[in-house]
Full PDB file with SEQRES, HELIX, SHEET, SSBOND, CRYST1, ORIGX, SCALE, CONECT and MASTER records, all heavy atoms in Angstrom:
SEQRES   1 A   42  ARG LEU SER CYS ALA ALA SER GLY PHE THR TYR SER SER          
SEQRES   2 A   42  LYS SER MET ALA TRP PHE ARG GLN ALA PRO TRP LYS GLU          
SEQRES   3 A   42  ARG GLU GLY VAL ALA SER ILE TYR SER ASN SER GLY HIS          
SEQRES   4 A   42  THR TYR TYR                                                  
SHEET    1 AA1 3 SER A  15  ARG A  20  0                                        
SHEET    2 AA1 3 GLU A  28  TYR A  34 -1                                        
SHEET    3 AA1 3 THR A  40  TYR A  41 -1                                        
CRYST1    1.000    1.000    1.000  90.00  90.00  90.00 P 1           1          
ORIGX1      1.000000  0.000000  0.000000        0.00000                         
ORIGX2      0.000000  1.000000  0.000000        0.00000                         
ORIGX3      0.000000  0.000000  1.000000        0.00000                         
SCALE1      1.000000  0.000000  0.000000        0.00000                         
SCALE2      0.000000  1.000000  0.000000        0.00000                         
SCALE3      0.000000  0.000000  1.000000        0.00000                         
ATOM      1  N   ARG A   1       0.854  -1.151  -0.008  1.00  0.00           N  
ATOM      2  CA  ARG A   1       0.078  -0.064   0.017  1.00  0.00           C  
ATOM      3  C   ARG A   1       0.857   1.159   0.052  1.00  0.00           C  
ATOM      4  O   ARG A   1       1.626   1.440   0.862  1.00  0.00           O  
ATOM      5  CB  ARG A   1      -0.928   0.088   1.177  1.00  0.00           C  
ATOM      6  CG  ARG A   1      -1.919   1.145   1.088  1.00  0.00           C  
ATOM      7  CD  ARG A   1      -2.878   1.210   2.172  1.00  0.00           C  
ATOM      8  NE  ARG A   1      -2.228   1.767   3.496  1.00  0.00           N  
ATOM      9  CZ  ARG A   1      -2.903   2.199   4.564  1.00  0.00           C  
ATOM     10  NH1 ARG A   1      -4.248   2.260   4.567  1.00  0.00           N  
ATOM     11  NH2 ARG A   1      -2.187   2.536   5.597  1.00  0.00           N  
ATOM     12  N   LEU A   2       0.670   2.144  -1.042  1.00  0.00           N  
ATOM     13  CA  LEU A   2       1.489   3.321  -1.174  1.00  0.00           C  
ATOM     14  C   LEU A   2       0.567   4.440  -0.451  1.00  0.00           C  
ATOM     15  O   LEU A   2      -0.683   4.479  -0.529  1.00  0.00           O  
ATOM     16  CB  LEU A   2       1.804   3.702  -2.641  1.00  0.00           C  
ATOM     17  CG  LEU A   2       2.513   2.508  -3.395  1.00  0.00           C  
ATOM     18  CD1 LEU A   2       2.847   3.034  -4.871  1.00  0.00           C  
ATOM     19  CD2 LEU A   2       3.724   2.061  -2.738  1.00  0.00           C  
ATOM     20  N   SER A   3       1.368   5.441   0.044  1.00  0.00           N  
ATOM     21  CA  SER A   3       0.605   6.589   0.545  1.00  0.00           C  
ATOM     22  C   SER A   3       1.269   7.801  -0.153  1.00  0.00           C  
ATOM     23  O   SER A   3       2.403   7.832  -0.371  1.00  0.00           O  
ATOM     24  CB  SER A   3       0.832   6.663   2.060  1.00  0.00           C  
ATOM     25  OG  SER A   3       0.231   5.554   2.699  1.00  0.00           O  
ATOM     26  N   CYS A   4       0.381   8.831  -0.223  1.00  0.00           N  
ATOM     27  CA  CYS A   4       0.924  10.173  -0.666  1.00  0.00           C  
ATOM     28  C   CYS A   4       0.211  11.138   0.102  1.00  0.00           C  
ATOM     29  O   CYS A   4      -0.918  11.443   0.203  1.00  0.00           O  
ATOM     30  CB  CYS A   4       0.435  10.289  -2.116  1.00  0.00           C  
ATOM     31  SG  CYS A   4       0.706  11.972  -2.868  1.00  0.00           S  
ATOM     32  N   ALA A   5       1.020  11.907   0.949  1.00  0.00           N  
ATOM     33  CA  ALA A   5       0.584  12.952   1.737  1.00  0.00           C  
ATOM     34  C   ALA A   5       0.854  14.372   1.174  1.00  0.00           C  
ATOM     35  O   ALA A   5       1.951  14.636   0.664  1.00  0.00           O  
ATOM     36  CB  ALA A   5       1.306  12.885   3.070  1.00  0.00           C  
ATOM     37  N   ALA A   6      -0.175  15.096   1.062  1.00  0.00           N  
ATOM     38  CA  ALA A   6      -0.214  16.334   0.330  1.00  0.00           C  
ATOM     39  C   ALA A   6      -0.179  17.441   1.311  1.00  0.00           C  
ATOM     40  O   ALA A   6      -0.959  17.416   2.296  1.00  0.00           O  
ATOM     41  CB  ALA A   6      -1.242  16.564  -0.671  1.00  0.00           C  
ATOM     42  N   SER A   7       0.417  18.527   1.106  1.00  0.00           N  
ATOM     43  CA  SER A   7       0.460  19.737   1.888  1.00  0.00           C  
ATOM     44  C   SER A   7       0.464  20.963   1.000  1.00  0.00           C  
ATOM     45  O   SER A   7       1.012  21.012  -0.068  1.00  0.00           O  
ATOM     46  CB  SER A   7       1.635  19.765   2.899  1.00  0.00           C  
ATOM     47  OG  SER A   7       2.836  19.756   2.273  1.00  0.00           O  
ATOM     48  N   GLY A   8      -0.093  22.027   1.511  1.00  0.00           N  
ATOM     49  CA  GLY A   8      -0.195  23.249   0.662  1.00  0.00           C  
ATOM     50  C   GLY A   8      -1.085  23.304  -0.404  1.00  0.00           C  
ATOM     51  O   GLY A   8      -0.851  24.122  -1.308  1.00  0.00           O  
ATOM     52  N   PHE A   9      -1.960  22.348  -0.532  1.00  0.00           N  
ATOM     53  CA  PHE A   9      -2.773  22.199  -1.793  1.00  0.00           C  
ATOM     54  C   PHE A   9      -4.171  22.611  -1.365  1.00  0.00           C  
ATOM     55  O   PHE A   9      -4.885  21.877  -0.805  1.00  0.00           O  
ATOM     56  CB  PHE A   9      -2.697  20.776  -2.246  1.00  0.00           C  
ATOM     57  CG  PHE A   9      -3.345  20.465  -3.576  1.00  0.00           C  
ATOM     58  CD1 PHE A   9      -2.970  21.410  -4.680  1.00  0.00           C  
ATOM     59  CD2 PHE A   9      -4.138  19.431  -3.880  1.00  0.00           C  
ATOM     60  CE1 PHE A   9      -3.408  21.260  -5.935  1.00  0.00           C  
ATOM     61  CE2 PHE A   9      -4.605  19.230  -5.178  1.00  0.00           C  
ATOM     62  CZ  PHE A   9      -4.241  20.153  -6.099  1.00  0.00           C  
ATOM     63  N   THR A  10      -4.478  23.905  -1.777  1.00  0.00           N  
ATOM     64  CA  THR A  10      -5.726  24.470  -1.191  1.00  0.00           C  
ATOM     65  C   THR A  10      -6.701  24.507  -2.345  1.00  0.00           C  
ATOM     66  O   THR A  10      -7.915  25.355  -2.128  1.00  0.00           O  
ATOM     67  CB  THR A  10      -5.448  25.865  -0.592  1.00  0.00           C  
ATOM     68  OG1 THR A  10      -4.873  26.655  -1.661  1.00  0.00           O  
ATOM     69  CG2 THR A  10      -4.515  25.693   0.527  1.00  0.00           C  
ATOM     70  N   TYR A  11      -6.740  23.977  -3.427  1.00  0.00           N  
ATOM     71  CA  TYR A  11      -7.768  24.146  -4.565  1.00  0.00           C  
ATOM     72  C   TYR A  11      -8.998  23.552  -4.045  1.00  0.00           C  
ATOM     73  O   TYR A  11      -9.102  22.461  -3.447  1.00  0.00           O  
ATOM     74  CB  TYR A  11      -7.242  23.397  -5.727  1.00  0.00           C  
ATOM     75  CG  TYR A  11      -6.052  24.105  -6.481  1.00  0.00           C  
ATOM     76  CD1 TYR A  11      -4.850  23.586  -6.183  1.00  0.00           C  
ATOM     77  CD2 TYR A  11      -6.340  24.953  -7.415  1.00  0.00           C  
ATOM     78  CE1 TYR A  11      -3.634  24.118  -6.740  1.00  0.00           C  
ATOM     79  CE2 TYR A  11      -5.106  25.514  -8.145  1.00  0.00           C  
ATOM     80  CZ  TYR A  11      -3.833  25.148  -7.785  1.00  0.00           C  
ATOM     81  OH  TYR A  11      -2.825  25.632  -8.343  1.00  0.00           O  
ATOM     82  N   SER A  12     -10.045  24.161  -4.333  1.00  0.00           N  
ATOM     83  CA  SER A  12     -11.419  23.745  -3.932  1.00  0.00           C  
ATOM     84  C   SER A  12     -11.835  22.606  -4.864  1.00  0.00           C  
ATOM     85  O   SER A  12     -12.703  21.737  -4.383  1.00  0.00           O  
ATOM     86  CB  SER A  12     -12.458  25.001  -4.135  1.00  0.00           C  
ATOM     87  OG  SER A  12     -12.582  25.350  -5.391  1.00  0.00           O  
ATOM     88  N   SER A  13     -11.378  22.439  -6.011  1.00  0.00           N  
ATOM     89  CA  SER A  13     -11.620  21.341  -6.947  1.00  0.00           C  
ATOM     90  C   SER A  13     -10.260  20.731  -7.232  1.00  0.00           C  
ATOM     91  O   SER A  13      -9.495  21.434  -7.821  1.00  0.00           O  
ATOM     92  CB  SER A  13     -12.365  21.791  -8.061  1.00  0.00           C  
ATOM     93  OG  SER A  13     -12.510  20.654  -9.058  1.00  0.00           O  
ATOM     94  N   LYS A  14     -10.082  19.478  -7.090  1.00  0.00           N  
ATOM     95  CA  LYS A  14      -8.807  18.942  -7.263  1.00  0.00           C  
ATOM     96  C   LYS A  14      -8.795  17.448  -7.635  1.00  0.00           C  
ATOM     97  O   LYS A  14      -9.720  16.767  -7.192  1.00  0.00           O  
ATOM     98  CB  LYS A  14      -7.835  19.019  -6.044  1.00  0.00           C  
ATOM     99  CG  LYS A  14      -8.474  18.479  -4.679  1.00  0.00           C  
ATOM    100  CD  LYS A  14      -7.625  18.904  -3.469  1.00  0.00           C  
ATOM    101  CE  LYS A  14      -8.147  18.450  -2.231  1.00  0.00           C  
ATOM    102  NZ  LYS A  14      -9.397  19.147  -1.899  1.00  0.00           N  
ATOM    103  N   SER A  15      -7.810  17.048  -8.268  1.00  0.00           N  
ATOM    104  CA  SER A  15      -7.735  15.596  -8.614  1.00  0.00           C  
ATOM    105  C   SER A  15      -6.156  15.137  -8.170  1.00  0.00           C  
ATOM    106  O   SER A  15      -5.279  15.879  -8.234  1.00  0.00           O  
ATOM    107  CB  SER A  15      -7.768  15.439 -10.181  1.00  0.00           C  
ATOM    108  OG  SER A  15      -9.038  15.712 -10.570  1.00  0.00           O  
ATOM    109  N   MET A  16      -6.114  13.860  -7.869  1.00  0.00           N  
ATOM    110  CA  MET A  16      -4.915  13.284  -7.531  1.00  0.00           C  
ATOM    111  C   MET A  16      -4.619  11.968  -8.203  1.00  0.00           C  
ATOM    112  O   MET A  16      -5.685  11.253  -8.518  1.00  0.00           O  
ATOM    113  CB  MET A  16      -4.642  13.058  -6.028  1.00  0.00           C  
ATOM    114  CG  MET A  16      -4.790  14.394  -5.258  1.00  0.00           C  
ATOM    115  SD  MET A  16      -4.412  14.309  -3.501  1.00  0.00           S  
ATOM    116  CE  MET A  16      -2.623  14.094  -3.602  1.00  0.00           C  
ATOM    117  N   ALA A  17      -3.548  11.678  -8.528  1.00  0.00           N  
ATOM    118  CA  ALA A  17      -3.254  10.298  -9.379  1.00  0.00           C  
ATOM    119  C   ALA A  17      -1.938   9.786  -8.885  1.00  0.00           C  
ATOM    120  O   ALA A  17      -1.026  10.327  -8.308  1.00  0.00           O  
ATOM    121  CB  ALA A  17      -3.195  10.833 -10.854  1.00  0.00           C  
ATOM    122  N   TRP A  18      -1.760   8.468  -9.381  1.00  0.00           N  
ATOM    123  CA  TRP A  18      -0.625   7.751  -9.320  1.00  0.00           C  
ATOM    124  C   TRP A  18      -0.136   7.407 -10.693  1.00  0.00           C  
ATOM    125  O   TRP A  18      -0.917   6.865 -11.430  1.00  0.00           O  
ATOM    126  CB  TRP A  18      -0.786   6.457  -8.598  1.00  0.00           C  
ATOM    127  CG  TRP A  18      -0.905   6.654  -7.002  1.00  0.00           C  
ATOM    128  CD1 TRP A  18      -2.096   6.714  -6.385  1.00  0.00           C  
ATOM    129  CD2 TRP A  18       0.118   6.834  -6.146  1.00  0.00           C  
ATOM    130  NE1 TRP A  18      -1.834   6.944  -4.998  1.00  0.00           N  
ATOM    131  CE2 TRP A  18      -0.527   6.913  -4.785  1.00  0.00           C  
ATOM    132  CE3 TRP A  18       1.440   6.722  -6.069  1.00  0.00           C  
ATOM    133  CZ2 TRP A  18       0.160   7.051  -3.592  1.00  0.00           C  
ATOM    134  CZ3 TRP A  18       2.209   6.883  -4.969  1.00  0.00           C  
ATOM    135  CH2 TRP A  18       1.508   7.153  -3.700  1.00  0.00           C  
ATOM    136  N   PHE A  19       1.037   7.672 -10.929  1.00  0.00           N  
ATOM    137  CA  PHE A  19       1.710   7.309 -12.132  1.00  0.00           C  
ATOM    138  C   PHE A  19       2.950   6.380 -11.950  1.00  0.00           C  
ATOM    139  O   PHE A  19       3.372   6.307 -10.570  1.00  0.00           O  
ATOM    140  CB  PHE A  19       2.353   8.505 -12.920  1.00  0.00           C  
ATOM    141  CG  PHE A  19       1.296   9.368 -13.454  1.00  0.00           C  
ATOM    142  CD1 PHE A  19       0.410  10.266 -12.790  1.00  0.00           C  
ATOM    143  CD2 PHE A  19       1.008   9.383 -14.933  1.00  0.00           C  
ATOM    144  CE1 PHE A  19      -0.472  11.041 -13.368  1.00  0.00           C  
ATOM    145  CE2 PHE A  19       0.087  10.079 -15.533  1.00  0.00           C  
ATOM    146  CZ  PHE A  19      -0.724  10.946 -14.705  1.00  0.00           C  
ATOM    147  N   ARG A  20       3.497   5.649 -12.816  1.00  0.00           N  
ATOM    148  CA  ARG A  20       4.585   4.793 -12.650  1.00  0.00           C  
ATOM    149  C   ARG A  20       5.414   4.990 -13.953  1.00  0.00           C  
ATOM    150  O   ARG A  20       5.070   4.998 -14.841  1.00  0.00           O  
ATOM    151  CB  ARG A  20       4.214   3.341 -12.283  1.00  0.00           C  
ATOM    152  CG  ARG A  20       3.569   2.601 -13.412  1.00  0.00           C  
ATOM    153  CD  ARG A  20       3.183   1.197 -12.893  1.00  0.00           C  
ATOM    154  NE  ARG A  20       2.436   0.523 -13.923  1.00  0.00           N  
ATOM    155  CZ  ARG A  20       1.865  -0.708 -13.845  1.00  0.00           C  
ATOM    156  NH1 ARG A  20       1.871  -1.225 -12.637  1.00  0.00           N  
ATOM    157  NH2 ARG A  20       1.327  -1.307 -14.838  1.00  0.00           N  
ATOM    158  N   GLN A  21       6.802   4.593 -13.639  1.00  0.00           N  
ATOM    159  CA  GLN A  21       7.735   4.591 -14.742  1.00  0.00           C  
ATOM    160  C   GLN A  21       8.806   3.683 -14.465  1.00  0.00           C  
ATOM    161  O   GLN A  21       9.564   3.616 -13.432  1.00  0.00           O  
ATOM    162  CB  GLN A  21       8.411   6.073 -14.813  1.00  0.00           C  
ATOM    163  CG  GLN A  21       9.378   6.174 -16.098  1.00  0.00           C  
ATOM    164  CD  GLN A  21       9.677   7.552 -16.305  1.00  0.00           C  
ATOM    165  OE1 GLN A  21       9.592   8.386 -15.458  1.00  0.00           O  
ATOM    166  NE2 GLN A  21      10.031   7.858 -17.495  1.00  0.00           N  
ATOM    167  N   ALA A  22       8.914   2.671 -15.309  1.00  0.00           N  
ATOM    168  CA  ALA A  22       9.963   1.624 -15.260  1.00  0.00           C  
ATOM    169  C   ALA A  22      11.160   2.030 -16.100  1.00  0.00           C  
ATOM    170  O   ALA A  22      10.941   2.774 -17.019  1.00  0.00           O  
ATOM    171  CB  ALA A  22       9.311   0.349 -15.772  1.00  0.00           C  
ATOM    172  N   PRO A  23      12.230   1.433 -15.881  1.00  0.00           N  
ATOM    173  CA  PRO A  23      13.470   1.818 -16.611  1.00  0.00           C  
ATOM    174  C   PRO A  23      13.162   1.530 -18.058  1.00  0.00           C  
ATOM    175  O   PRO A  23      12.639   0.616 -18.579  1.00  0.00           O  
ATOM    176  CB  PRO A  23      14.445   0.816 -16.078  1.00  0.00           C  
ATOM    177  CG  PRO A  23      14.136   0.547 -14.702  1.00  0.00           C  
ATOM    178  CD  PRO A  23      12.588   0.489 -14.834  1.00  0.00           C  
ATOM    179  N   TRP A  24      13.636   2.528 -18.937  1.00  0.00           N  
ATOM    180  CA  TRP A  24      13.428   2.606 -20.361  1.00  0.00           C  
ATOM    181  C   TRP A  24      12.030   2.552 -20.695  1.00  0.00           C  
ATOM    182  O   TRP A  24      11.737   2.379 -21.913  1.00  0.00           O  
ATOM    183  CB  TRP A  24      14.153   1.375 -20.974  1.00  0.00           C  
ATOM    184  CG  TRP A  24      15.531   1.115 -20.411  1.00  0.00           C  
ATOM    185  CD1 TRP A  24      16.056   0.203 -19.515  1.00  0.00           C  
ATOM    186  CD2 TRP A  24      16.790   1.943 -20.654  1.00  0.00           C  
ATOM    187  NE1 TRP A  24      17.324   0.346 -19.268  1.00  0.00           N  
ATOM    188  CE2 TRP A  24      17.804   1.445 -19.955  1.00  0.00           C  
ATOM    189  CE3 TRP A  24      16.920   3.166 -21.383  1.00  0.00           C  
ATOM    190  CZ2 TRP A  24      19.047   1.934 -20.021  1.00  0.00           C  
ATOM    191  CZ3 TRP A  24      18.167   3.630 -21.441  1.00  0.00           C  
ATOM    192  CH2 TRP A  24      19.121   3.124 -20.668  1.00  0.00           C  
ATOM    193  N   LYS A  25      11.182   3.017 -19.926  1.00  0.00           N  
ATOM    194  CA  LYS A  25       9.723   3.105 -20.292  1.00  0.00           C  
ATOM    195  C   LYS A  25       9.170   4.601 -20.052  1.00  0.00           C  
ATOM    196  O   LYS A  25       9.761   5.276 -19.230  1.00  0.00           O  
ATOM    197  CB  LYS A  25       8.837   2.182 -19.567  1.00  0.00           C  
ATOM    198  CG  LYS A  25       9.196   0.718 -19.695  1.00  0.00           C  
ATOM    199  CD  LYS A  25       8.829   0.188 -21.107  1.00  0.00           C  
ATOM    200  CE  LYS A  25       9.105  -1.299 -21.129  1.00  0.00           C  
ATOM    201  NZ  LYS A  25       8.623  -1.820 -22.511  1.00  0.00           N  
ATOM    202  N   GLU A  26       8.166   4.941 -20.815  1.00  0.00           N  
ATOM    203  CA  GLU A  26       7.593   6.214 -20.516  1.00  0.00           C  
ATOM    204  C   GLU A  26       6.737   6.253 -19.208  1.00  0.00           C  
ATOM    205  O   GLU A  26       6.316   5.129 -18.774  1.00  0.00           O  
ATOM    206  CB  GLU A  26       6.777   6.698 -21.740  1.00  0.00           C  
ATOM    207  CG  GLU A  26       5.510   5.887 -21.934  1.00  0.00           C  
ATOM    208  CD  GLU A  26       4.803   6.360 -23.115  1.00  0.00           C  
ATOM    209  OE1 GLU A  26       5.479   6.617 -24.114  1.00  0.00           O  
ATOM    210  OE2 GLU A  26       3.453   6.424 -22.959  1.00  0.00           O  
ATOM    211  N   ARG A  27       6.512   7.372 -18.631  1.00  0.00           N  
ATOM    212  CA  ARG A  27       5.625   7.371 -17.452  1.00  0.00           C  
ATOM    213  C   ARG A  27       4.255   7.090 -17.779  1.00  0.00           C  
ATOM    214  O   ARG A  27       3.887   7.787 -18.780  1.00  0.00           O  
ATOM    215  CB  ARG A  27       5.823   8.791 -16.775  1.00  0.00           C  
ATOM    216  CG  ARG A  27       5.261   8.838 -15.360  1.00  0.00           C  
ATOM    217  CD  ARG A  27       5.651  10.110 -14.626  1.00  0.00           C  
ATOM    218  NE  ARG A  27       7.114  10.207 -14.398  1.00  0.00           N  
ATOM    219  CZ  ARG A  27       7.723  11.065 -13.715  1.00  0.00           C  
ATOM    220  NH1 ARG A  27       7.127  12.033 -13.122  1.00  0.00           N  
ATOM    221  NH2 ARG A  27       9.086  11.001 -13.620  1.00  0.00           N  
ATOM    222  N   GLU A  28       3.582   6.315 -17.068  1.00  0.00           N  
ATOM    223  CA  GLU A  28       2.209   5.962 -17.516  1.00  0.00           C  
ATOM    224  C   GLU A  28       1.255   6.156 -16.326  1.00  0.00           C  
ATOM    225  O   GLU A  28       1.643   5.903 -15.128  1.00  0.00           O  
ATOM    226  CB  GLU A  28       2.110   4.575 -17.910  1.00  0.00           C  
ATOM    227  CG  GLU A  28       2.537   3.561 -16.960  1.00  0.00           C  
ATOM    228  CD  GLU A  28       2.439   2.120 -17.531  1.00  0.00           C  
ATOM    229  OE1 GLU A  28       2.085   1.892 -18.686  1.00  0.00           O  
ATOM    230  OE2 GLU A  28       2.638   1.166 -16.813  1.00  0.00           O  
ATOM    231  N   GLY A  29      -0.070   6.537 -16.565  1.00  0.00           N  
ATOM    232  CA  GLY A  29      -1.008   6.657 -15.490  1.00  0.00           C  
ATOM    233  C   GLY A  29      -1.446   5.338 -14.949  1.00  0.00           C  
ATOM    234  O   GLY A  29      -1.723   4.420 -15.764  1.00  0.00           O  
ATOM    235  N   VAL A  30      -1.573   5.142 -13.631  1.00  0.00           N  
ATOM    236  CA  VAL A  30      -2.065   4.077 -13.035  1.00  0.00           C  
ATOM    237  C   VAL A  30      -3.430   4.144 -12.608  1.00  0.00           C  
ATOM    238  O   VAL A  30      -4.300   3.406 -12.845  1.00  0.00           O  
ATOM    239  CB  VAL A  30      -1.037   3.591 -11.993  1.00  0.00           C  
ATOM    240  CG1 VAL A  30      -1.613   2.359 -11.115  1.00  0.00           C  
ATOM    241  CG2 VAL A  30       0.394   3.365 -12.310  1.00  0.00           C  
ATOM    242  N   ALA A  31      -3.676   5.177 -11.617  1.00  0.00           N  
ATOM    243  CA  ALA A  31      -5.049   5.355 -11.178  1.00  0.00           C  
ATOM    244  C   ALA A  31      -5.182   6.846 -10.773  1.00  0.00           C  
ATOM    245  O   ALA A  31      -4.157   7.451 -10.422  1.00  0.00           O  
ATOM    246  CB  ALA A  31      -5.188   4.578  -9.857  1.00  0.00           C  
ATOM    247  N   SER A  32      -6.333   7.286 -10.815  1.00  0.00           N  
ATOM    248  CA  SER A  32      -6.454   8.744 -10.316  1.00  0.00           C  
ATOM    249  C   SER A  32      -7.921   8.951  -9.718  1.00  0.00           C  
ATOM    250  O   SER A  32      -8.809   7.946  -9.735  1.00  0.00           O  
ATOM    251  CB  SER A  32      -6.428   9.610 -11.518  1.00  0.00           C  
ATOM    252  OG  SER A  32      -7.501   9.317 -12.480  1.00  0.00           O  
ATOM    253  N   ILE A  33      -7.973   9.899  -8.956  1.00  0.00           N  
ATOM    254  CA  ILE A  33      -9.319  10.204  -8.297  1.00  0.00           C  
ATOM    255  C   ILE A  33      -9.621  11.744  -8.344  1.00  0.00           C  
ATOM    256  O   ILE A  33      -8.683  12.681  -8.273  1.00  0.00           O  
ATOM    257  CB  ILE A  33      -9.242   9.793  -6.838  1.00  0.00           C  
ATOM    258  CG1 ILE A  33     -10.567   9.877  -6.069  1.00  0.00           C  
ATOM    259  CG2 ILE A  33      -8.093  10.442  -6.016  1.00  0.00           C  
ATOM    260  CD1 ILE A  33     -10.576   9.327  -4.786  1.00  0.00           C  
ATOM    261  N   TYR A  34     -10.944  11.968  -8.635  1.00  0.00           N  
ATOM    262  CA  TYR A  34     -11.425  13.457  -8.479  1.00  0.00           C  
ATOM    263  C   TYR A  34     -11.802  13.582  -6.919  1.00  0.00           C  
ATOM    264  O   TYR A  34     -12.838  13.007  -6.595  1.00  0.00           O  
ATOM    265  CB  TYR A  34     -12.519  13.781  -9.360  1.00  0.00           C  
ATOM    266  CG  TYR A  34     -13.110  15.078  -9.204  1.00  0.00           C  
ATOM    267  CD1 TYR A  34     -12.249  16.193  -9.125  1.00  0.00           C  
ATOM    268  CD2 TYR A  34     -14.528  15.246  -9.171  1.00  0.00           C  
ATOM    269  CE1 TYR A  34     -12.817  17.467  -8.973  1.00  0.00           C  
ATOM    270  CE2 TYR A  34     -15.062  16.538  -8.982  1.00  0.00           C  
ATOM    271  CZ  TYR A  34     -14.138  17.657  -8.791  1.00  0.00           C  
ATOM    272  OH  TYR A  34     -14.831  18.915  -8.702  1.00  0.00           O  
ATOM    273  N   SER A  35     -11.019  14.263  -6.224  1.00  0.00           N  
ATOM    274  CA  SER A  35     -11.147  14.246  -4.711  1.00  0.00           C  
ATOM    275  C   SER A  35     -12.533  14.686  -4.317  1.00  0.00           C  
ATOM    276  O   SER A  35     -12.983  14.217  -3.272  1.00  0.00           O  
ATOM    277  CB  SER A  35     -10.118  14.983  -4.162  1.00  0.00           C  
ATOM    278  OG  SER A  35      -8.794  14.551  -4.256  1.00  0.00           O  
ATOM    279  N   ASN A  36     -13.202  15.627  -4.920  1.00  0.00           N  
ATOM    280  CA  ASN A  36     -14.458  16.248  -4.531  1.00  0.00           C  
ATOM    281  C   ASN A  36     -15.620  15.264  -4.493  1.00  0.00           C  
ATOM    282  O   ASN A  36     -16.404  15.419  -3.759  1.00  0.00           O  
ATOM    283  CB  ASN A  36     -14.724  17.497  -5.478  1.00  0.00           C  
ATOM    284  CG  ASN A  36     -13.670  18.564  -5.405  1.00  0.00           C  
ATOM    285  OD1 ASN A  36     -12.455  18.378  -5.709  1.00  0.00           O  
ATOM    286  ND2 ASN A  36     -14.075  19.738  -4.886  1.00  0.00           N  
ATOM    287  N   SER A  37     -15.496  14.259  -5.583  1.00  0.00           N  
ATOM    288  CA  SER A  37     -16.615  13.418  -5.789  1.00  0.00           C  
ATOM    289  C   SER A  37     -16.319  11.949  -5.232  1.00  0.00           C  
ATOM    290  O   SER A  37     -17.127  11.085  -5.029  1.00  0.00           O  
ATOM    291  CB  SER A  37     -17.143  13.373  -7.090  1.00  0.00           C  
ATOM    292  OG  SER A  37     -16.255  12.886  -8.073  1.00  0.00           O  
ATOM    293  N   GLY A  38     -14.858  11.613  -5.386  1.00  0.00           N  
ATOM    294  CA  GLY A  38     -14.550  10.301  -5.127  1.00  0.00           C  
ATOM    295  C   GLY A  38     -14.454   9.368  -6.399  1.00  0.00           C  
ATOM    296  O   GLY A  38     -14.120   8.309  -6.203  1.00  0.00           O  
ATOM    297  N   HIS A  39     -14.829   9.980  -7.502  1.00  0.00           N  
ATOM    298  CA  HIS A  39     -14.680   9.313  -8.750  1.00  0.00           C  
ATOM    299  C   HIS A  39     -13.385   8.835  -9.049  1.00  0.00           C  
ATOM    300  O   HIS A  39     -12.361   9.598  -8.875  1.00  0.00           O  
ATOM    301  CB  HIS A  39     -15.266  10.115  -9.979  1.00  0.00           C  
ATOM    302  CG  HIS A  39     -15.068   9.552 -11.259  1.00  0.00           C  
ATOM    303  ND1 HIS A  39     -16.147   8.482 -11.616  1.00  0.00           N  
ATOM    304  CD2 HIS A  39     -14.230   9.692 -12.240  1.00  0.00           C  
ATOM    305  CE1 HIS A  39     -15.688   8.117 -12.833  1.00  0.00           C  
ATOM    306  NE2 HIS A  39     -14.654   8.761 -13.117  1.00  0.00           N  
ATOM    307  N   THR A  40     -13.111   7.509  -9.430  1.00  0.00           N  
ATOM    308  CA  THR A  40     -11.829   6.881  -9.659  1.00  0.00           C  
ATOM    309  C   THR A  40     -11.673   6.555 -11.141  1.00  0.00           C  
ATOM    310  O   THR A  40     -12.664   6.161 -11.757  1.00  0.00           O  
ATOM    311  CB  THR A  40     -11.455   5.814  -8.657  1.00  0.00           C  
ATOM    312  OG1 THR A  40     -12.568   4.887  -8.777  1.00  0.00           O  
ATOM    313  CG2 THR A  40     -11.374   6.364  -7.236  1.00  0.00           C  
ATOM    314  N   TYR A  41     -10.387   6.362 -11.592  1.00  0.00           N  
ATOM    315  CA  TYR A  41     -10.110   5.857 -12.833  1.00  0.00           C  
ATOM    316  C   TYR A  41      -8.876   5.005 -12.693  1.00  0.00           C  
ATOM    317  O   TYR A  41      -8.052   5.204 -11.894  1.00  0.00           O  
ATOM    318  CB  TYR A  41      -9.659   6.965 -13.833  1.00  0.00           C  
ATOM    319  CG  TYR A  41      -8.966   6.509 -14.924  1.00  0.00           C  
ATOM    320  CD1 TYR A  41      -9.561   5.974 -16.038  1.00  0.00           C  
ATOM    321  CD2 TYR A  41      -7.530   6.473 -14.926  1.00  0.00           C  
ATOM    322  CE1 TYR A  41      -8.809   5.597 -17.233  1.00  0.00           C  
ATOM    323  CE2 TYR A  41      -6.817   5.977 -16.030  1.00  0.00           C  
ATOM    324  CZ  TYR A  41      -7.488   5.546 -17.112  1.00  0.00           C  
ATOM    325  OH  TYR A  41      -6.761   5.115 -18.319  1.00  0.00           O  
ATOM    326  N   TYR A  42      -8.860   3.894 -13.350  1.00  0.00           N  
ATOM    327  CA  TYR A  42      -7.935   2.871 -13.308  1.00  0.00           C  
ATOM    328  C   TYR A  42      -7.374   2.491 -14.750  1.00  0.00           C  
ATOM    329  O   TYR A  42      -8.297   2.303 -15.637  1.00  0.00           O  
ATOM    330  CB  TYR A  42      -8.237   1.573 -12.638  1.00  0.00           C  
ATOM    331  CG  TYR A  42      -8.575   1.821 -11.121  1.00  0.00           C  
ATOM    332  CD1 TYR A  42      -9.958   2.007 -10.674  1.00  0.00           C  
ATOM    333  CD2 TYR A  42      -7.683   1.995 -10.182  1.00  0.00           C  
ATOM    334  CE1 TYR A  42     -10.294   2.228  -9.474  1.00  0.00           C  
ATOM    335  CE2 TYR A  42      -8.057   1.987  -8.883  1.00  0.00           C  
ATOM    336  CZ  TYR A  42      -9.272   2.226  -8.479  1.00  0.00           C  
ATOM    337  OH  TYR A  42      -9.679   2.437  -7.189  1.00  0.00           O  
TER     338      TYR A  42                                                      
MASTER        0    0    0    0    3    0    0    6  337    1    0    4          
END                                                                             
């Protein structure tokens, strides 16, 4: 289980996401969430 603690982020509408990058590969999206509604993408 990975954790991401955010500070100083005061937007009333915001999204957060996890990306990953393996050696010799481009960075790719893993999962994201629109924090205001809880809607997720995988």
